[in-house]
Amino acid sequence: MAGAEEVHLVFFNRDKDVKWNDKIWHRQDSYEGKMVDIWGC
C-alpha cells in the first residue's frame, strides 16, 4: 500500500447471467491496520 491514505480494491463480475443489481456491492475491511474499501461491480 506504499504510504497510501486510501485503499480501494475493485472486482469486476463479467458473468452475463448475473443481474446488474446483484453485481454491485461494497464492504470495508482492514489490512495491516489500514481500512480497505472493497467494491464489486
PDB file of N, CA and C in Angstrom:
ATOM      1  N   MET A   1       0.820  -1.188   0.000  1.00  0.00           N
ATOM      2  CA  MET A   1       0.000   0.000   0.000  1.00  0.00           C
ATOM      3  C   MET A   1       0.864   1.250   0.000  1.00  0.00           C
ATOM      4  N   ALA A   2       2.118   1.121   0.092  1.00  0.00           N
ATOM      5  CA  ALA A   2       3.106   2.165  -0.184  1.00  0.00           C
ATOM      6  C   ALA A   2       2.719   3.566   0.270  1.00  0.00           C
ATOM      7  N   GLY A   3       2.308   3.724   1.519  1.00  0.00           N
ATOM      8  CA  GLY A   3       2.017   5.047   2.058  1.00  0.00           C
ATOM      9  C   GLY A   3       0.680   5.627   1.652  1.00  0.00           C
ATOM     10  N   ALA A   4      -0.162   4.850   1.032  1.00  0.00           N
ATOM     11  CA  ALA A   4      -1.474   5.346   0.595  1.00  0.00           C
ATOM     12  C   ALA A   4      -2.341   5.680   1.800  1.00  0.00           C
ATOM     13  N   GLU A   5      -3.127   6.748   1.677  1.00  0.00           N
ATOM     14  CA  GLU A   5      -4.062   7.107   2.736  1.00  0.00           C
ATOM     15  C   GLU A   5      -5.413   6.447   2.524  1.00  0.00           C
ATOM     16  N   GLU A   6      -5.746   6.145   1.281  1.00  0.00           N
ATOM     17  CA  GLU A   6      -6.985   5.437   0.952  1.00  0.00           C
ATOM     18  C   GLU A   6      -6.640   4.245   0.079  1.00  0.00           C
ATOM     19  N   VAL A   7      -7.344   3.143   0.326  1.00  0.00           N
ATOM     20  CA  VAL A   7      -7.114   1.939  -0.470  1.00  0.00           C
ATOM     21  C   VAL A   7      -8.462   1.436  -0.957  1.00  0.00           C
ATOM     22  N   HIS A   8      -8.564   1.191  -2.266  1.00  0.00           N
ATOM     23  CA  HIS A   8      -9.781   0.655  -2.871  1.00  0.00           C
ATOM     24  C   HIS A   8      -9.398  -0.552  -3.715  1.00  0.00           C
ATOM     25  N   LEU A   9     -10.186  -1.601  -3.601  1.00  0.00           N
ATOM     26  CA  LEU A   9      -9.989  -2.822  -4.375  1.00  0.00           C
ATOM     27  C   LEU A   9     -11.296  -3.089  -5.108  1.00  0.00           C
ATOM     28  N   VAL A  10     -11.238  -3.267  -6.426  1.00  0.00           N
ATOM     29  CA  VAL A  10     -12.448  -3.423  -7.238  1.00  0.00           C
ATOM     30  C   VAL A  10     -12.420  -4.771  -7.943  1.00  0.00           C
ATOM     31  N   PHE A  11     -13.534  -5.506  -7.833  1.00  0.00           N
ATOM     32  CA  PHE A  11     -13.712  -6.776  -8.532  1.00  0.00           C
ATOM     33  C   PHE A  11     -14.779  -6.586  -9.600  1.00  0.00           C
ATOM     34  N   PHE A  12     -14.514  -7.048 -10.811  1.00  0.00           N
ATOM     35  CA  PHE A  12     -15.472  -6.955 -11.906  1.00  0.00           C
ATOM     36  C   PHE A  12     -16.064  -8.331 -12.178  1.00  0.00           C
ATOM     37  N   ASN A  13     -17.386  -8.416 -12.111  1.00  0.00           N
ATOM     38  CA  ASN A  13     -18.104  -9.657 -12.413  1.00  0.00           C
ATOM     39  C   ASN A  13     -18.619  -9.544 -13.845  1.00  0.00           C
ATOM     40  N   ARG A  14     -18.040 -10.300 -14.760  1.00  0.00           N
ATOM     41  CA  ARG A  14     -18.413 -10.211 -16.170  1.00  0.00           C
ATOM     42  C   ARG A  14     -19.407 -11.291 -16.583  1.00  0.00           C
ATOM     43  N   ASP A  15     -19.968 -12.003 -15.615  1.00  0.00           N
ATOM     44  CA  ASP A  15     -20.938 -13.063 -15.887  1.00  0.00           C
ATOM     45  C   ASP A  15     -22.237 -12.459 -16.412  1.00  0.00           C
ATOM     46  N   LYS A  16     -22.601 -12.783 -17.643  1.00  0.00           N
ATOM     47  CA  LYS A  16     -23.813 -12.238 -18.269  1.00  0.00           C
ATOM     48  C   LYS A  16     -25.087 -12.721 -17.592  1.00  0.00           C
ATOM     49  N   ASP A  17     -25.023 -13.836 -16.878  1.00  0.00           N
ATOM     50  CA  ASP A  17     -26.211 -14.402 -16.244  1.00  0.00           C
ATOM     51  C   ASP A  17     -26.524 -13.776 -14.883  1.00  0.00           C
ATOM     52  N   VAL A  18     -25.653 -12.923 -14.381  1.00  0.00           N
ATOM     53  CA  VAL A  18     -25.880 -12.261 -13.091  1.00  0.00           C
ATOM     54  C   VAL A  18     -26.433 -10.864 -13.356  1.00  0.00           C
ATOM     55  N   LYS A  19     -27.564 -10.539 -12.728  1.00  0.00           N
ATOM     56  CA  LYS A  19     -28.183  -9.226 -12.915  1.00  0.00           C
ATOM     57  C   LYS A  19     -27.276  -8.137 -12.349  1.00  0.00           C
ATOM     58  N   TRP A  20     -27.363  -6.962 -12.962  1.00  0.00           N
ATOM     59  CA  TRP A  20     -26.509  -5.836 -12.588  1.00  0.00           C
ATOM     60  C   TRP A  20     -26.622  -5.516 -11.096  1.00  0.00           C
ATOM     61  N   ASN A  21     -27.839  -5.467 -10.564  1.00  0.00           N
ATOM     62  CA  ASN A  21     -28.026  -5.135  -9.145  1.00  0.00           C
ATOM     63  C   ASN A  21     -27.384  -6.166  -8.224  1.00  0.00           C
ATOM     64  N   ASP A  22     -27.266  -7.392  -8.665  1.00  0.00           N
ATOM     65  CA  ASP A  22     -26.624  -8.428  -7.854  1.00  0.00           C
ATOM     66  C   ASP A  22     -25.097  -8.337  -7.904  1.00  0.00           C
ATOM     67  N   LYS A  23     -24.578  -7.642  -8.915  1.00  0.00           N
ATOM     68  CA  LYS A  23     -23.128  -7.496  -9.050  1.00  0.00           C
ATOM     69  C   LYS A  23     -22.578  -6.372  -8.176  1.00  0.00           C
ATOM     70  N   ILE A  24     -23.424  -5.394  -7.848  1.00  0.00           N
ATOM     71  CA  ILE A  24     -22.976  -4.204  -7.126  1.00  0.00           C
ATOM     72  C   ILE A  24     -22.942  -4.471  -5.626  1.00  0.00           C
ATOM     73  N   TRP A  25     -21.783  -4.291  -5.019  1.00  0.00           N
ATOM     74  CA  TRP A  25     -21.675  -4.427  -3.571  1.00  0.00           C
ATOM     75  C   TRP A  25     -20.463  -3.646  -3.081  1.00  0.00           C
ATOM     76  N   HIS A  26     -20.441  -3.416  -1.787  1.00  0.00           N
ATOM     77  CA  HIS A  26     -19.348  -2.682  -1.152  1.00  0.00           C
ATOM     78  C   HIS A  26     -19.192  -3.186   0.273  1.00  0.00           C
ATOM     79  N   ARG A  27     -17.969  -3.299   0.710  1.00  0.00           N
ATOM     80  CA  ARG A  27     -17.704  -3.608   2.117  1.00  0.00           C
ATOM     81  C   ARG A  27     -16.368  -2.997   2.497  1.00  0.00           C
ATOM     82  N   GLN A  28     -16.137  -2.892   3.781  1.00  0.00           N
ATOM     83  CA  GLN A  28     -14.868  -2.387   4.286  1.00  0.00           C
ATOM     84  C   GLN A  28     -14.226  -3.458   5.146  1.00  0.00           C
ATOM     85  N   ASP A  29     -12.919  -3.522   5.056  1.00  0.00           N
ATOM     86  CA  ASP A  29     -12.150  -4.460   5.867  1.00  0.00           C
ATOM     87  C   ASP A  29     -10.839  -3.760   6.217  1.00  0.00           C
ATOM     88  N   SER A  30     -10.077  -4.352   7.082  1.00  0.00           N
ATOM     89  CA  SER A  30      -8.781  -3.756   7.403  1.00  0.00           C
ATOM     90  C   SER A  30      -7.667  -4.716   7.007  1.00  0.00           C
ATOM     91  N   TYR A  31      -6.547  -4.137   6.630  1.00  0.00           N
ATOM     92  CA  TYR A  31      -5.361  -4.901   6.262  1.00  0.00           C
ATOM     93  C   TYR A  31      -4.156  -4.152   6.806  1.00  0.00           C
ATOM     94  N   GLU A  32      -3.395  -4.810   7.623  1.00  0.00           N
ATOM     95  CA  GLU A  32      -2.207  -4.204   8.240  1.00  0.00           C
ATOM     96  C   GLU A  32      -2.531  -2.851   8.867  1.00  0.00           C
ATOM     97  N   GLY A  33      -3.693  -2.770   9.524  1.00  0.00           N
ATOM     98  CA  GLY A  33      -4.079  -1.551  10.229  1.00  0.00           C
ATOM     99  C   GLY A  33      -4.679  -0.459   9.366  1.00  0.00           C
ATOM    100  N   LYS A  34      -4.818  -0.693   8.068  1.00  0.00           N
ATOM    101  CA  LYS A  34      -5.412   0.294   7.156  1.00  0.00           C
ATOM    102  C   LYS A  34      -6.791  -0.179   6.725  1.00  0.00           C
ATOM    103  N   MET A  35      -7.724   0.765   6.593  1.00  0.00           N
ATOM    104  CA  MET A  35      -9.049   0.427   6.089  1.00  0.00           C
ATOM    105  C   MET A  35      -8.983   0.275   4.566  1.00  0.00           C
ATOM    106  N   VAL A  36      -9.645  -0.750   4.070  1.00  0.00           N
ATOM    107  CA  VAL A  36      -9.692  -1.024   2.635  1.00  0.00           C
ATOM    108  C   VAL A  36     -11.155  -1.067   2.218  1.00  0.00           C
ATOM    109  N   ASP A  37     -11.515  -0.253   1.215  1.00  0.00           N
ATOM    110  CA  ASP A  37     -12.849  -0.309   0.626  1.00  0.00           C
ATOM    111  C   ASP A  37     -12.806  -1.321  -0.505  1.00  0.00           C
ATOM    112  N   ILE A  38     -13.688  -2.306  -0.439  1.00  0.00           N
ATOM    113  CA  ILE A  38     -13.728  -3.378  -1.433  1.00  0.00           C
ATOM    114  C   ILE A  38     -15.055  -3.268  -2.171  1.00  0.00           C
ATOM    115  N   TRP A  39     -14.971  -3.171  -3.480  1.00  0.00           N
ATOM    116  CA  TRP A  39     -16.146  -2.944  -4.323  1.00  0.00           C
ATOM    117  C   TRP A  39     -16.310  -4.089  -5.313  1.00  0.00           C
ATOM    118  N   GLY A  40     -17.556  -4.450  -5.576  1.00  0.00           N
ATOM    119  CA  GLY A  40     -17.872  -5.399  -6.637  1.00  0.00           C
ATOM    120  C   GLY A  40     -18.780  -4.719  -7.634  1.00  0.00           C
ATOM    121  N   CYS A  41     -18.560  -4.983  -8.893  1.00  0.00           N
ATOM    122  CA  CYS A  41     -19.424  -4.405  -9.924  1.00  0.00           C
ATOM    123  C   CYS A  41     -19.449  -5.296 -11.146  1.00  0.00           C
TER     124      CYS A  41
END
